[in-house]
Structures are given as structure tokens and as C-alpha cells.
Amino acid sequence: MLVIGQFFRSAAMIEASSNFSHKIATEKKSTHELVTSGVYSLVRHPSYFGFFWWGVGTQVFLANPLSTVVFMAVLWRFFSYRIQYSPMPSPLQTFLVFGGVLIGG
């Protein structure tokens, strides 16, 4: 989980390059380009996907079942809130790969 999560998070930041930001953009900048290749072609929000599984993976690795459940709930709520600000996904990317479950929509 840790390695997969870190891979997706890092790859998302690298591929999006200057288009990546930790802040939610509510307006499109003239320099913004939609990234649809690489990990973005596999997962709607690869950075969120990666952070979610990395965070949960840290607690699984530490064999901490209570924190694993708490991390899952907190991260799920956090990313569900953030995803509300995203444009609608394409039909192919309807399901976010948090186990194939659509969140925030």
C-alpha cells in the first residue's frame, strides 16, 4: 500500500508539473493544461488516490487497527470534500479507484 500510494502521489505531481497545486483552484488559469496521460489516464485523482492509500498503508504497516480505521474515515471525508470542486469525470473515469467506489459525487 505504501509503495503504490507513494508512486501514484509522486507520479501525479511530476506529470502535472506546473499544473499541480495543493490549493483547490476555483478558476481556470490561462496557462493550465488538462493532464490526461500517465497515472491521470488510470485514476481520476491520482494524487488523492496515492495519499489515501499511503496514509492507510502507514497504519497497516504499524499494525495499528484502530488508527487504520480512523485514517480511512478522516481521509475519505477530506478527499470527498475536495473532490466536490472538481469538474465532472469522463464516463471512463466515473469510478475513483478507492476500491472502485465513487466518492464526492
PDB file of N, CA and C in Angstrom:
ATOM      1  N   MET A   1       0.821  -1.197   0.000  1.00  0.00           N
ATOM      2  CA  MET A   1       0.000   0.000   0.000  1.00  0.00           C
ATOM      3  C   MET A   1       0.862   1.258   0.000  1.00  0.00           C
ATOM      4  N   LEU A   2       1.878   1.228   0.856  1.00  0.00           N
ATOM      5  CA  LEU A   2       2.748   2.402   0.964  1.00  0.00           C
ATOM      6  C   LEU A   2       3.431   2.718  -0.364  1.00  0.00           C
ATOM      7  N   VAL A   3       3.978   1.708  -0.987  1.00  0.00           N
ATOM      8  CA  VAL A   3       4.725   1.911  -2.228  1.00  0.00           C
ATOM      9  C   VAL A   3       3.795   2.340  -3.358  1.00  0.00           C
ATOM     10  N   ILE A   4       2.660   1.688  -3.489  1.00  0.00           N
ATOM     11  CA  ILE A   4       1.692   2.049  -4.530  1.00  0.00           C
ATOM     12  C   ILE A   4       1.195   3.471  -4.291  1.00  0.00           C
ATOM     13  N   GLY A   5       0.847   3.785  -3.052  1.00  0.00           N
ATOM     14  CA  GLY A   5       0.369   5.128  -2.724  1.00  0.00           C
ATOM     15  C   GLY A   5       1.410   6.194  -3.028  1.00  0.00           C
ATOM     16  N   GLN A   6       2.643   5.938  -2.611  1.00  0.00           N
ATOM     17  CA  GLN A   6       3.710   6.906  -2.867  1.00  0.00           C
ATOM     18  C   GLN A   6       3.967   7.059  -4.357  1.00  0.00           C
ATOM     19  N   PHE A   7       3.924   5.951  -5.094  1.00  0.00           N
ATOM     20  CA  PHE A   7       4.128   6.013  -6.538  1.00  0.00           C
ATOM     21  C   PHE A   7       3.087   6.918  -7.199  1.00  0.00           C
ATOM     22  N   PHE A   8       1.805   6.690  -6.904  1.00  0.00           N
ATOM     23  CA  PHE A   8       0.750   7.479  -7.531  1.00  0.00           C
ATOM     24  C   PHE A   8       0.837   8.950  -7.133  1.00  0.00           C
ATOM     25  N   ARG A   9       1.098   9.212  -5.876  1.00  0.00           N
ATOM     26  CA  ARG A   9       1.200  10.600  -5.404  1.00  0.00           C
ATOM     27  C   ARG A   9       2.363  11.320  -6.090  1.00  0.00           C
ATOM     28  N   SER A  10       3.515  10.701  -6.111  1.00  0.00           N
ATOM     29  CA  SER A  10       4.697  11.315  -6.725  1.00  0.00           C
ATOM     30  C   SER A  10       4.531  11.458  -8.234  1.00  0.00           C
ATOM     31  N   ALA A  11       4.029  10.410  -8.880  1.00  0.00           N
ATOM     32  CA  ALA A  11       3.838  10.454 -10.332  1.00  0.00           C
ATOM     33  C   ALA A  11       2.846  11.544 -10.719  1.00  0.00           C
ATOM     34  N   ALA A  12       1.803  11.734  -9.924  1.00  0.00           N
ATOM     35  CA  ALA A  12       0.824  12.784 -10.204  1.00  0.00           C
ATOM     36  C   ALA A  12       1.472  14.162 -10.147  1.00  0.00           C
ATOM     37  N   MET A  13       2.290  14.394  -9.151  1.00  0.00           N
ATOM     38  CA  MET A  13       2.963  15.682  -9.011  1.00  0.00           C
ATOM     39  C   MET A  13       3.944  15.915 -10.155  1.00  0.00           C
ATOM     40  N   ILE A  14       4.681  14.881 -10.525  1.00  0.00           N
ATOM     41  CA  ILE A  14       5.664  15.016 -11.600  1.00  0.00           C
ATOM     42  C   ILE A  14       4.976  15.236 -12.944  1.00  0.00           C
ATOM     43  N   GLU A  15       3.953  14.431 -13.239  1.00  0.00           N
ATOM     44  CA  GLU A  15       3.269  14.548 -14.532  1.00  0.00           C
ATOM     45  C   GLU A  15       2.521  15.860 -14.680  1.00  0.00           C
ATOM     46  N   ALA A  16       1.887  16.307 -13.624  1.00  0.00           N
ATOM     47  CA  ALA A  16       1.124  17.559 -13.714  1.00  0.00           C
ATOM     48  C   ALA A  16       2.060  18.762 -13.721  1.00  0.00           C
ATOM     49  N   SER A  17       3.236  18.604 -13.163  1.00  0.00           N
ATOM     50  CA  SER A  17       4.260  19.643 -13.178  1.00  0.00           C
ATOM     51  C   SER A  17       3.710  20.976 -12.651  1.00  0.00           C
ATOM     52  N   SER A  18       3.733  22.007 -13.465  1.00  0.00           N
ATOM     53  CA  SER A  18       3.293  23.333 -13.022  1.00  0.00           C
ATOM     54  C   SER A  18       1.782  23.414 -12.838  1.00  0.00           C
ATOM     55  N   ASN A  19       1.049  22.420 -13.326  1.00  0.00           N
ATOM     56  CA  ASN A  19      -0.407  22.399 -13.144  1.00  0.00           C
ATOM     57  C   ASN A  19      -0.805  21.828 -11.792  1.00  0.00           C
ATOM     58  N   PHE A  20       0.151  21.264 -11.055  1.00  0.00           N
ATOM     59  CA  PHE A  20      -0.151  20.667  -9.754  1.00  0.00           C
ATOM     60  C   PHE A  20      -0.108  21.730  -8.671  1.00  0.00           C
ATOM     61  N   SER A  21      -1.100  21.704  -7.798  1.00  0.00           N
ATOM     62  CA  SER A  21      -1.134  22.612  -6.669  1.00  0.00           C
ATOM     63  C   SER A  21      -1.858  21.942  -5.510  1.00  0.00           C
ATOM     64  N   HIS A  22      -1.478  22.302  -4.311  1.00  0.00           N
ATOM     65  CA  HIS A  22      -2.172  21.777  -3.136  1.00  0.00           C
ATOM     66  C   HIS A  22      -3.435  22.582  -2.839  1.00  0.00           C
ATOM     67  N   LYS A  23      -3.583  23.707  -3.493  1.00  0.00           N
ATOM     68  CA  LYS A  23      -4.765  24.543  -3.294  1.00  0.00           C
ATOM     69  C   LYS A  23      -5.828  24.188  -4.324  1.00  0.00           C
ATOM     70  N   ILE A  24      -7.086  24.233  -3.906  1.00  0.00           N
ATOM     71  CA  ILE A  24      -8.189  23.972  -4.825  1.00  0.00           C
ATOM     72  C   ILE A  24      -8.362  25.187  -5.726  1.00  0.00           C
ATOM     73  N   ALA A  25      -8.292  24.956  -7.028  1.00  0.00           N
ATOM     74  CA  ALA A  25      -8.469  26.046  -7.991  1.00  0.00           C
ATOM     75  C   ALA A  25      -9.957  26.165  -8.327  1.00  0.00           C
ATOM     76  N   THR A  26     -10.513  27.331  -8.133  1.00  0.00           N
ATOM     77  CA  THR A  26     -11.924  27.543  -8.462  1.00  0.00           C
ATOM     78  C   THR A  26     -12.086  28.265  -9.791  1.00  0.00           C
ATOM     79  N   GLU A  27     -10.975  28.754 -10.339  1.00  0.00           N
ATOM     80  CA  GLU A  27     -10.988  29.403 -11.650  1.00  0.00           C
ATOM     81  C   GLU A  27      -9.844  28.845 -12.479  1.00  0.00           C
ATOM     82  N   LYS A  28     -10.081  28.701 -13.784  1.00  0.00           N
ATOM     83  CA  LYS A  28      -9.053  28.166 -14.676  1.00  0.00           C
ATOM     84  C   LYS A  28      -8.061  29.255 -15.062  1.00  0.00           C
ATOM     85  N   LYS A  29      -6.782  28.958 -14.874  1.00  0.00           N
ATOM     86  CA  LYS A  29      -5.734  29.881 -15.305  1.00  0.00           C
ATOM     87  C   LYS A  29      -5.510  29.699 -16.804  1.00  0.00           C
ATOM     88  N   SER A  30      -5.086  30.752 -17.472  1.00  0.00           N
ATOM     89  CA  SER A  30      -4.854  30.674 -18.912  1.00  0.00           C
ATOM     90  C   SER A  30      -3.717  29.714 -19.256  1.00  0.00           C
ATOM     91  N   THR A  31      -2.826  29.463 -18.311  1.00  0.00           N
ATOM     92  CA  THR A  31      -1.689  28.576 -18.553  1.00  0.00           C
ATOM     93  C   THR A  31      -1.978  27.117 -18.190  1.00  0.00           C
ATOM     94  N   HIS A  32      -3.160  26.859 -17.651  1.00  0.00           N
ATOM     95  CA  HIS A  32      -3.492  25.497 -17.206  1.00  0.00           C
ATOM     96  C   HIS A  32      -3.742  24.572 -18.394  1.00  0.00           C
ATOM     97  N   GLU A  33      -3.188  23.371 -18.299  1.00  0.00           N
ATOM     98  CA  GLU A  33      -3.427  22.332 -19.287  1.00  0.00           C
ATOM     99  C   GLU A  33      -3.939  21.099 -18.563  1.00  0.00           C
ATOM    100  N   LEU A  34      -4.999  20.494 -19.098  1.00  0.00           N
ATOM    101  CA  LEU A  34      -5.560  19.287 -18.506  1.00  0.00           C
ATOM    102  C   LEU A  34      -4.631  18.117 -18.797  1.00  0.00           C
ATOM    103  N   VAL A  35      -4.221  17.415 -17.760  1.00  0.00           N
ATOM    104  CA  VAL A  35      -3.331  16.266 -17.907  1.00  0.00           C
ATOM    105  C   VAL A  35      -4.198  15.014 -17.958  1.00  0.00           C
ATOM    106  N   THR A  36      -4.067  14.248 -19.041  1.00  0.00           N
ATOM    107  CA  THR A  36      -4.870  13.029 -19.204  1.00  0.00           C
ATOM    108  C   THR A  36      -4.014  11.809 -19.515  1.00  0.00           C
ATOM    109  N   SER A  37      -2.715  11.947 -19.428  1.00  0.00           N
ATOM    110  CA  SER A  37      -1.830  10.824 -19.727  1.00  0.00           C
ATOM    111  C   SER A  37      -1.229  10.269 -18.439  1.00  0.00           C
ATOM    112  N   GLY A  38      -0.519   9.158 -18.577  1.00  0.00           N
ATOM    113  CA  GLY A  38       0.151   8.545 -17.419  1.00  0.00           C
ATOM    114  C   GLY A  38      -0.828   8.119 -16.347  1.00  0.00           C
ATOM    115  N   VAL A  39      -0.505   8.416 -15.095  1.00  0.00           N
ATOM    116  CA  VAL A  39      -1.378   7.997 -13.990  1.00  0.00           C
ATOM    117  C   VAL A  39      -2.734   8.695 -14.044  1.00  0.00           C
ATOM    118  N   TYR A  40      -2.793   9.854 -14.705  1.00  0.00           N
ATOM    119  CA  TYR A  40      -4.074  10.557 -14.851  1.00  0.00           C
ATOM    120  C   TYR A  40      -5.017   9.828 -15.803  1.00  0.00           C
ATOM    121  N   SER A  41      -4.487   8.951 -16.644  1.00  0.00           N
ATOM    122  CA  SER A  41      -5.343   8.149 -17.525  1.00  0.00           C
ATOM    123  C   SER A  41      -5.883   6.921 -16.794  1.00  0.00           C
ATOM    124  N   LEU A  42      -5.297   6.594 -15.655  1.00  0.00           N
ATOM    125  CA  LEU A  42      -5.709   5.426 -14.881  1.00  0.00           C
ATOM    126  C   LEU A  42      -6.668   5.758 -13.752  1.00  0.00           C
ATOM    127  N   VAL A  43      -6.445   6.888 -13.106  1.00  0.00           N
ATOM    128  CA  VAL A  43      -7.196   7.270 -11.911  1.00  0.00           C
ATOM    129  C   VAL A  43      -7.587   8.734 -12.028  1.00  0.00           C
ATOM    130  N   ARG A  44      -8.807   9.054 -11.653  1.00  0.00           N
ATOM    131  CA  ARG A  44      -9.316  10.429 -11.773  1.00  0.00           C
ATOM    132  C   ARG A  44      -8.482  11.427 -10.972  1.00  0.00           C
ATOM    133  N   HIS A  45      -8.137  11.077  -9.750  1.00  0.00           N
ATOM    134  CA  HIS A  45      -7.351  11.950  -8.873  1.00  0.00           C
ATOM    135  C   HIS A  45      -6.178  11.141  -8.315  1.00  0.00           C
ATOM    136  N   PRO A  46      -5.120  10.955  -9.110  1.00  0.00           N
ATOM    137  CA  PRO A  46      -4.029  10.079  -8.646  1.00  0.00           C
ATOM    138  C   PRO A  46      -3.312  10.573  -7.400  1.00  0.00           C
ATOM    139  N   SER A  47      -3.248  11.868  -7.204  1.00  0.00           N
ATOM    140  CA  SER A  47      -2.600  12.381  -6.000  1.00  0.00           C
ATOM    141  C   SER A  47      -3.427  12.045  -4.764  1.00  0.00           C
ATOM    142  N   TYR A  48      -4.733  12.212  -4.844  1.00  0.00           N
ATOM    143  CA  TYR A  48      -5.614  11.861  -3.728  1.00  0.00           C
ATOM    144  C   TYR A  48      -5.585  10.359  -3.487  1.00  0.00           C
ATOM    145  N   PHE A  49      -5.687   9.600  -4.589  1.00  0.00           N
ATOM    146  CA  PHE A  49      -5.635   8.140  -4.511  1.00  0.00           C
ATOM    147  C   PHE A  49      -4.366   7.699  -3.805  1.00  0.00           C
ATOM    148  N   GLY A  50      -3.230   8.249  -4.232  1.00  0.00           N
ATOM    149  CA  GLY A  50      -1.948   7.881  -3.649  1.00  0.00           C
ATOM    150  C   GLY A  50      -1.838   8.241  -2.184  1.00  0.00           C
ATOM    151  N   PHE A  51      -2.261   9.456  -1.845  1.00  0.00           N
ATOM    152  CA  PHE A  51      -2.163   9.874  -0.444  1.00  0.00           C
ATOM    153  C   PHE A  51      -3.071   9.029   0.441  1.00  0.00           C
ATOM    154  N   PHE A  52      -4.279   8.726  -0.059  1.00  0.00           N
ATOM    155  CA  PHE A  52      -5.214   7.901   0.710  1.00  0.00           C
ATOM    156  C   PHE A  52      -4.575   6.556   1.058  1.00  0.00           C
ATOM    157  N   TRP A  53      -4.078   5.856   0.033  1.00  0.00           N
ATOM    158  CA  TRP A  53      -3.528   4.525   0.279  1.00  0.00           C
ATOM    159  C   TRP A  53      -2.191   4.572   1.004  1.00  0.00           C
ATOM    160  N   TRP A  54      -1.411   5.629   0.810  1.00  0.00           N
ATOM    161  CA  TRP A  54      -0.173   5.780   1.568  1.00  0.00           C
ATOM    162  C   TRP A  54      -0.497   5.964   3.048  1.00  0.00           C
ATOM    163  N   GLY A  55      -1.456   6.852   3.346  1.00  0.00           N
ATOM    164  CA  GLY A  55      -1.836   7.115   4.732  1.00  0.00           C
ATOM    165  C   GLY A  55      -2.383   5.883   5.432  1.00  0.00           C
ATOM    166  N   VAL A  56      -3.266   5.170   4.753  1.00  0.00           N
ATOM    167  CA  VAL A  56      -3.814   3.940   5.331  1.00  0.00           C
ATOM    168  C   VAL A  56      -2.704   2.902   5.468  1.00  0.00           C
ATOM    169  N   GLY A  57      -1.850   2.820   4.459  1.00  0.00           N
ATOM    170  CA  GLY A  57      -0.748   1.858   4.485  1.00  0.00           C
ATOM    171  C   GLY A  57       0.208   2.065   5.640  1.00  0.00           C
ATOM    172  N   THR A  58       0.422   3.319   6.041  1.00  0.00           N
ATOM    173  CA  THR A  58       1.308   3.560   7.184  1.00  0.00           C
ATOM    174  C   THR A  58       0.758   2.902   8.442  1.00  0.00           C
ATOM    175  N   GLN A  59      -0.540   2.949   8.605  1.00  0.00           N
ATOM    176  CA  GLN A  59      -1.148   2.375   9.807  1.00  0.00           C
ATOM    177  C   GLN A  59      -1.219   0.857   9.736  1.00  0.00           C
ATOM    178  N   VAL A  60      -1.433   0.322   8.535  1.00  0.00           N
ATOM    179  CA  VAL A  60      -1.384  -1.137   8.371  1.00  0.00           C
ATOM    180  C   VAL A  60       0.029  -1.631   8.671  1.00  0.00           C
ATOM    181  N   PHE A  61       1.024  -0.933   8.150  1.00  0.00           N
ATOM    182  CA  PHE A  61       2.424  -1.288   8.389  1.00  0.00           C
ATOM    183  C   PHE A  61       2.751  -1.275   9.879  1.00  0.00           C
ATOM    184  N   LEU A  62       2.202  -0.315  10.597  1.00  0.00           N
ATOM    185  CA  LEU A  62       2.443  -0.210  12.037  1.00  0.00           C
ATOM    186  C   LEU A  62       1.546  -1.148  12.856  1.00  0.00           C
ATOM    187  N   ALA A  63       0.704  -1.933  12.157  1.00  0.00           N
ATOM    188  CA  ALA A  63      -0.201  -2.890  12.803  1.00  0.00           C
ATOM    189  C   ALA A  63      -1.086  -2.194  13.836  1.00  0.00           C
ATOM    190  N   ASN A  64      -1.657  -1.080  13.429  1.00  0.00           N
ATOM    191  CA  ASN A  64      -2.499  -0.292  14.320  1.00  0.00           C
ATOM    192  C   ASN A  64      -3.929  -0.282  13.767  1.00  0.00           C
ATOM    193  N   PRO A  65      -4.760  -1.262  14.123  1.00  0.00           N
ATOM    194  CA  PRO A  65      -6.086  -1.385  13.525  1.00  0.00           C
ATOM    195  C   PRO A  65      -7.015  -0.196  13.810  1.00  0.00           C
ATOM    196  N   LEU A  66      -6.968   0.345  15.008  1.00  0.00           N
ATOM    197  CA  LEU A  66      -7.839   1.480  15.322  1.00  0.00           C
ATOM    198  C   LEU A  66      -7.464   2.694  14.464  1.00  0.00           C
ATOM    199  N   SER A  67      -6.185   2.999  14.392  1.00  0.00           N
ATOM    200  CA  SER A  67      -5.752   4.136  13.576  1.00  0.00           C
ATOM    201  C   SER A  67      -5.996   3.893  12.091  1.00  0.00           C
ATOM    202  N   THR A  68      -5.924   2.647  11.647  1.00  0.00           N
ATOM    203  CA  THR A  68      -6.217   2.345  10.245  1.00  0.00           C
ATOM    204  C   THR A  68      -7.634   2.765   9.913  1.00  0.00           C
ATOM    205  N   VAL A  69      -8.573   2.400  10.749  1.00  0.00           N
ATOM    206  CA  VAL A  69      -9.981   2.754  10.532  1.00  0.00           C
ATOM    207  C   VAL A  69     -10.176   4.265  10.622  1.00  0.00           C
ATOM    208  N   VAL A  70      -9.551   4.889  11.610  1.00  0.00           N
ATOM    209  CA  VAL A  70      -9.669   6.343  11.780  1.00  0.00           C
ATOM    210  C   VAL A  70      -9.056   7.070  10.582  1.00  0.00           C
ATOM    211  N   PHE A  71      -7.875   6.643  10.138  1.00  0.00           N
ATOM    212  CA  PHE A  71      -7.240   7.261   8.969  1.00  0.00           C
ATOM    213  C   PHE A  71      -8.153   7.141   7.754  1.00  0.00           C
ATOM    214  N   MET A  72      -8.726   5.954   7.536  1.00  0.00           N
ATOM    215  CA  MET A  72      -9.610   5.753   6.384  1.00  0.00           C
ATOM    216  C   MET A  72     -10.789   6.714   6.439  1.00  0.00           C
ATOM    217  N   ALA A  73     -11.398   6.845   7.592  1.00  0.00           N
ATOM    218  CA  ALA A  73     -12.573   7.712   7.727  1.00  0.00           C
ATOM    219  C   ALA A  73     -12.210   9.184   7.527  1.00  0.00           C
ATOM    220  N   VAL A  74     -11.135   9.620   8.150  1.00  0.00           N
ATOM    221  CA  VAL A  74     -10.725  11.025   8.049  1.00  0.00           C
ATOM    222  C   VAL A  74     -10.301  11.367   6.627  1.00  0.00           C
ATOM    223  N   LEU A  75      -9.473  10.525   6.027  1.00  0.00           N
ATOM    224  CA  LEU A  75      -9.015  10.789   4.659  1.00  0.00           C
ATOM    225  C   LEU A  75     -10.164  10.729   3.665  1.00  0.00           C
ATOM    226  N   TRP A  76     -11.072   9.773   3.844  1.00  0.00           N
ATOM    227  CA  TRP A  76     -12.237   9.659   2.962  1.00  0.00           C
ATOM    228  C   TRP A  76     -13.060  10.952   3.011  1.00  0.00           C
ATOM    229  N   ARG A  77     -13.308  11.431   4.213  1.00  0.00           N
ATOM    230  CA  ARG A  77     -14.081  12.667   4.367  1.00  0.00           C
ATOM    231  C   ARG A  77     -13.344  13.864   3.757  1.00  0.00           C
ATOM    232  N   PHE A  78     -12.052  13.964   4.016  1.00  0.00           N
ATOM    233  CA  PHE A  78     -11.248  15.062   3.497  1.00  0.00           C
ATOM    234  C   PHE A  78     -11.271  15.093   1.965  1.00  0.00           C
ATOM    235  N   PHE A  79     -11.003  13.958   1.338  1.00  0.00           N
ATOM    236  CA  PHE A  79     -10.963  13.935  -0.121  1.00  0.00           C
ATOM    237  C   PHE A  79     -12.351  14.034  -0.732  1.00  0.00           C
ATOM    238  N   SER A  80     -13.366  13.532  -0.064  1.00  0.00           N
ATOM    239  CA  SER A  80     -14.743  13.699  -0.564  1.00  0.00           C
ATOM    240  C   SER A  80     -15.089  15.182  -0.651  1.00  0.00           C
ATOM    241  N   TYR A  81     -14.673  15.942   0.339  1.00  0.00           N
ATOM    242  CA  TYR A  81     -14.917  17.384   0.353  1.00  0.00           C
ATOM    243  C   TYR A  81     -14.172  18.061  -0.797  1.00  0.00           C
ATOM    244  N   ARG A  82     -12.903  17.728  -0.959  1.00  0.00           N
ATOM    245  CA  ARG A  82     -12.093  18.355  -2.005  1.00  0.00           C
ATOM    246  C   ARG A  82     -12.574  17.997  -3.411  1.00  0.00           C
ATOM    247  N   ILE A  83     -13.008  16.774  -3.606  1.00  0.00           N
ATOM    248  CA  ILE A  83     -13.413  16.319  -4.933  1.00  0.00           C
ATOM    249  C   ILE A  83     -14.688  17.030  -5.399  1.00  0.00           C
ATOM    250  N   GLN A  84     -15.467  17.557  -4.500  1.00  0.00           N
ATOM    251  CA  GLN A  84     -16.675  18.297  -4.878  1.00  0.00           C
ATOM    252  C   GLN A  84     -16.360  19.460  -5.803  1.00  0.00           C
ATOM    253  N   TYR A  85     -15.147  19.975  -5.732  1.00  0.00           N
ATOM    254  CA  TYR A  85     -14.757  21.129  -6.533  1.00  0.00           C
ATOM    255  C   TYR A  85     -14.217  20.749  -7.904  1.00  0.00           C
ATOM    256  N   SER A  86     -14.126  19.456  -8.174  1.00  0.00           N
ATOM    257  CA  SER A  86     -13.582  19.001  -9.453  1.00  0.00           C
ATOM    258  C   SER A  86     -14.666  18.985 -10.523  1.00  0.00           C
ATOM    259  N   PRO A  87     -14.255  19.171 -11.784  1.00  0.00           N
ATOM    260  CA  PRO A  87     -15.226  19.032 -12.872  1.00  0.00           C
ATOM    261  C   PRO A  87     -15.705  17.589 -12.952  1.00  0.00           C
ATOM    262  N   MET A  88     -16.820  17.376 -13.627  1.00  0.00           N
ATOM    263  CA  MET A  88     -17.382  16.034 -13.750  1.00  0.00           C
ATOM    264  C   MET A  88     -16.401  15.117 -14.466  1.00  0.00           C
ATOM    265  N   PRO A  89     -16.282  13.878 -14.009  1.00  0.00           N
ATOM    266  CA  PRO A  89     -15.379  12.940 -14.656  1.00  0.00           C
ATOM    267  C   PRO A  89     -15.938  12.448 -15.982  1.00  0.00           C
ATOM    268  N   SER A  90     -15.053  11.958 -16.834  1.00  0.00           N
ATOM    269  CA  SER A  90     -15.485  11.349 -18.080  1.00  0.00           C
ATOM    270  C   SER A  90     -16.152  10.021 -17.747  1.00  0.00           C
ATOM    271  N   PRO A  91     -16.963   9.472 -18.650  1.00  0.00           N
ATOM    272  CA  PRO A  91     -17.613   8.183 -18.363  1.00  0.00           C
ATOM    273  C   PRO A  91     -16.616   7.085 -18.014  1.00  0.00           C
ATOM    274  N   LEU A  92     -15.456   7.095 -18.666  1.00  0.00           N
ATOM    275  CA  LEU A  92     -14.451   6.070 -18.404  1.00  0.00           C
ATOM    276  C   LEU A  92     -13.873   6.201 -16.998  1.00  0.00           C
ATOM    277  N   GLN A  93     -13.855   7.406 -16.472  1.00  0.00           N
ATOM    278  CA  GLN A  93     -13.259   7.641 -15.156  1.00  0.00           C
ATOM    279  C   GLN A  93     -14.320   7.914 -14.088  1.00  0.00           C
ATOM    280  N   THR A  94     -15.514   7.395 -14.274  1.00  0.00           N
ATOM    281  CA  THR A  94     -16.591   7.665 -13.331  1.00  0.00           C
ATOM    282  C   THR A  94     -16.249   7.178 -11.933  1.00  0.00           C
ATOM    283  N   PHE A  95     -15.624   6.020 -11.852  1.00  0.00           N
ATOM    284  CA  PHE A  95     -15.311   5.470 -10.543  1.00  0.00           C
ATOM    285  C   PHE A  95     -13.889   5.804 -10.142  1.00  0.00           C
ATOM    286  N   LEU A  96     -13.747   6.454  -9.011  1.00  0.00           N
ATOM    287  CA  LEU A  96     -12.425   6.671  -8.440  1.00  0.00           C
ATOM    288  C   LEU A  96     -11.960   5.345  -7.887  1.00  0.00           C
ATOM    289  N   VAL A  97     -10.689   5.116  -7.947  1.00  0.00           N
ATOM    290  CA  VAL A  97     -10.204   3.812  -7.542  1.00  0.00           C
ATOM    291  C   VAL A  97      -9.854   3.794  -6.052  1.00  0.00           C
ATOM    292  N   PHE A  98     -10.828   4.158  -5.225  1.00  0.00           N
ATOM    293  CA  PHE A  98     -10.739   3.897  -3.800  1.00  0.00           C
ATOM    294  C   PHE A  98     -11.514   2.604  -3.613  1.00  0.00           C
ATOM    295  N   GLY A  99     -11.024   1.552  -4.256  1.00  0.00           N
ATOM    296  CA  GLY A  99     -11.736   0.276  -4.259  1.00  0.00           C
ATOM    297  C   GLY A  99     -12.869   0.293  -5.271  1.00  0.00           C
ATOM    298  N   GLY A 100     -12.834   1.184  -6.274  1.00  0.00           N
ATOM    299  CA  GLY A 100     -13.864   1.240  -7.300  1.00  0.00           C
ATOM    300  C   GLY A 100     -15.116   1.937  -6.851  1.00  0.00           C
ATOM    301  N   VAL A 101     -15.055   2.705  -5.787  1.00  0.00           N
ATOM    302  CA  VAL A 101     -16.235   3.379  -5.240  1.00  0.00           C
ATOM    303  C   VAL A 101     -16.170   4.883  -5.556  1.00  0.00           C
ATOM    304  N   LEU A 102     -17.234   5.401  -6.126  1.00  0.00           N
ATOM    305  CA  LEU A 102     -17.292   6.830  -6.421  1.00  0.00           C
ATOM    306  C   LEU A 102     -17.505   7.597  -5.132  1.00  0.00           C
ATOM    307  N   ILE A 103     -16.627   8.561  -4.874  1.00  0.00           N
ATOM    308  CA  ILE A 103     -16.799   9.388  -3.681  1.00  0.00           C
ATOM    309  C   ILE A 103     -16.962  10.839  -4.107  1.00  0.00           C
ATOM    310  N   GLY A 104     -17.615  11.588  -3.307  1.00  0.00           N
ATOM    311  CA  GLY A 104     -17.775  13.002  -3.561  1.00  0.00           C
ATOM    312  C   GLY A 104     -18.678  13.298  -4.730  1.00  0.00           C
ATOM    313  N   GLY A 105     -19.464  12.378  -5.186  1.00  0.00           N
ATOM    314  CA  GLY A 105     -20.320  12.639  -6.324  1.00  0.00           C
ATOM    315  C   GLY A 105     -21.509  11.813  -6.244  1.00  0.00           C
TER     316      GLY A 105
END
